[in-house]
C-alpha atoms as a PDB file:
ATOM      1  CA  MET A   1      90.501 -42.878 -17.866  1.00  0.00           C
ATOM      2  CA  ASP A   2      94.019 -41.647 -17.203  1.00  0.00           C
ATOM      3  CA  VAL A   3      94.378 -38.881 -14.624  1.00  0.00           C
ATOM      4  CA  LEU A   4      97.608 -36.878 -14.674  1.00  0.00           C
ATOM      5  CA  TYR A   5      98.935 -34.630 -11.917  1.00  0.00           C
ATOM      6  CA  PHE A   6     101.544 -31.912 -12.442  1.00  0.00           C
ATOM      7  CA  ALA A   7     103.754 -29.699 -10.238  1.00  0.00           C
ATOM      8  CA  TRP A   8     102.603 -29.331  -6.616  1.00  0.00           C
ATOM      9  CA  VAL A   9      99.462 -31.385  -7.316  1.00  0.00           C
ATOM     10  CA  ARG A  10     101.714 -34.358  -8.095  1.00  0.00           C
ATOM     11  CA  GLU A  11     103.804 -33.646  -4.997  1.00  0.00           C
ATOM     12  CA  ARG A  12     100.777 -33.610  -2.685  1.00  0.00           C
ATOM     13  CA  ILE A  13      99.238 -36.752  -4.152  1.00  0.00           C
ATOM     14  CA  GLY A  14     102.545 -38.570  -4.595  1.00  0.00           C
ATOM     15  CA  LEU A  15     101.776 -39.877  -8.089  1.00  0.00           C
ATOM     16  CA  PRO A  16     102.374 -38.462 -11.566  1.00  0.00           C
ATOM     17  CA  ARG A  17      99.407 -40.368 -13.044  1.00  0.00           C
ATOM     18  CA  GLU A  18      96.905 -43.105 -12.404  1.00  0.00           C
ATOM     19  CA  ARG A  19      94.187 -44.969 -14.274  1.00  0.00           C
ATOM     20  CA  LEU A  20      90.737 -44.576 -12.722  1.00  0.00           C
ATOM     21  CA  GLU A  21      87.216 -45.836 -13.197  1.00  0.00           C
ATOM     22  CA  THR A  22      84.715 -43.147 -12.236  1.00  0.00           C
ATOM     23  CA  ARG A  23      80.969 -42.698 -11.966  1.00  0.00           C
ATOM     24  CA  ALA A  24      81.405 -38.921 -12.175  1.00  0.00           C
ATOM     25  CA  THR A  25      79.757 -37.148 -15.091  1.00  0.00           C
ATOM     26  CA  THR A  26      81.746 -33.898 -14.762  1.00  0.00           C
ATOM     27  CA  VAL A  27      85.232 -32.854 -13.744  1.00  0.00           C
ATOM     28  CA  ALA A  28      83.803 -31.430 -10.506  1.00  0.00           C
ATOM     29  CA  GLY A  29      82.260 -34.815  -9.741  1.00  0.00           C
ATOM     30  CA  LEU A  30      85.608 -36.505 -10.355  1.00  0.00           C
ATOM     31  CA  VAL A  31      87.278 -34.037  -7.991  1.00  0.00           C
ATOM     32  CA  GLU A  32      84.721 -34.890  -5.296  1.00  0.00           C
ATOM     33  CA  GLU A  33      85.444 -38.604  -5.753  1.00  0.00           C
ATOM     34  CA  LEU A  34      89.180 -37.946  -5.501  1.00  0.00           C
ATOM     35  CA  ARG A  35      88.808 -35.739  -2.402  1.00  0.00           C
ATOM     36  CA  ALA A  36      86.895 -38.552  -0.680  1.00  0.00           C
ATOM     37  CA  ARG A  37      89.645 -41.121  -1.346  1.00  0.00           C
ATOM     38  CA  GLU A  38      92.092 -39.935   1.290  1.00  0.00           C
ATOM     39  CA  GLU A  39      93.697 -36.871   2.872  1.00  0.00           C
ATOM     40  CA  ARG A  40      96.421 -36.355   0.272  1.00  0.00           C
ATOM     41  CA  TYR A  41      93.764 -35.920  -2.446  1.00  0.00           C
ATOM     42  CA  ALA A  42      91.689 -33.664  -0.198  1.00  0.00           C
ATOM     43  CA  ALA A  43      94.775 -31.474   0.311  1.00  0.00           C
ATOM     44  CA  ALA A  44      95.591 -31.354  -3.408  1.00  0.00           C
ATOM     45  CA  PHE A  45      92.031 -30.369  -4.363  1.00  0.00           C
ATOM     46  CA  ALA A  46      91.247 -28.107  -1.401  1.00  0.00           C
ATOM     47  CA  ASP A  47      91.286 -24.894  -3.463  1.00  0.00           C
ATOM     48  CA  LEU A  48      90.040 -25.348  -7.018  1.00  0.00           C
ATOM     49  CA  SER A  49      90.720 -21.692  -7.802  1.00  0.00           C
ATOM     50  CA  ALA A  50      94.416 -22.627  -7.650  1.00  0.00           C
ATOM     51  CA  LEU A  51      94.006 -25.381 -10.255  1.00  0.00           C
ATOM     52  CA  ARG A  52      93.457 -25.753 -13.962  1.00  0.00           C
ATOM     53  CA  VAL A  53      92.177 -28.818 -15.788  1.00  0.00           C
ATOM     54  CA  ALA A  54      92.660 -30.158 -19.299  1.00  0.00           C
ATOM     55  CA  LEU A  55      90.538 -32.841 -20.936  1.00  0.00           C
ATOM     56  CA  ASP A  56      92.318 -34.775 -23.677  1.00  0.00           C
ATOM     57  CA  GLN A  57      94.953 -31.997 -23.714  1.00  0.00           C
ATOM     58  CA  GLU A  58      92.419 -29.166 -24.146  1.00  0.00           C
ATOM     59  CA  LEU A  59      92.068 -26.561 -21.393  1.00  0.00           C
ATOM     60  CA  SER A  60      88.628 -26.994 -19.861  1.00  0.00           C
ATOM     61  CA  SER A  61      86.454 -26.099 -16.874  1.00  0.00           C
ATOM     62  CA  PHE A  62      85.442 -28.011 -13.766  1.00  0.00           C
ATOM     63  CA  ASP A  63      81.819 -28.213 -14.936  1.00  0.00           C
ATOM     64  CA  ALA A  64      82.825 -29.877 -18.218  1.00  0.00           C
ATOM     65  CA  PRO A  65      81.335 -33.318 -18.952  1.00  0.00           C
ATOM     66  CA  LEU A  66      83.559 -36.395 -18.833  1.00  0.00           C
ATOM     67  CA  ALA A  67      81.670 -38.441 -21.438  1.00  0.00           C
ATOM     68  CA  GLY A  68      84.185 -39.835 -23.927  1.00  0.00           C
ATOM     69  CA  VAL A  69      87.195 -38.261 -22.181  1.00  0.00           C
ATOM     70  CA  ARG A  70      90.321 -40.451 -22.096  1.00  0.00           C
ATOM     71  CA  GLU A  71      92.684 -38.166 -20.170  1.00  0.00           C
ATOM     72  CA  VAL A  72      92.201 -35.607 -17.403  1.00  0.00           C
ATOM     73  CA  ALA A  73      95.155 -33.474 -16.295  1.00  0.00           C
ATOM     74  CA  PHE A  74      95.284 -31.261 -13.194  1.00  0.00           C
ATOM     75  CA  PHE A  75      97.911 -28.533 -12.839  1.00  0.00           C
ATOM     76  CA  PRO A  76      98.444 -25.101 -11.278  1.00  0.00           C
ATOM     77  CA  PRO A  77      98.106 -21.993 -13.449  1.00  0.00           C
ATOM     78  CA  MET A  78     101.215 -21.319 -15.475  1.00  0.00           C
ATOM     79  CA  THR A  79     102.912 -18.012 -16.057  1.00  0.00           C
ATOM     80  CA  GLY A  80     104.980 -16.944 -19.018  1.00  0.00           C
ATOM     81  CA  GLY A  81     108.552 -15.848 -18.752  1.00  0.00           C
END
């Protein structure tokens, strides 16, 4: 699946996107796999309350299943202006 990172998440990880194989069944499981990769991922995913996730461009939750998902995007909450 493709994993996309936006704003400060991208800055902490150092990549805008990457293609991953995962054994995770939920977004939370994917986050745990990413945190375990190295410190930059652990820093980016340290506080999930400061993050939002979209699955195939639909806003979702961290307990959402990953079955059939092609794209996961992580980003901070956005404000209107």
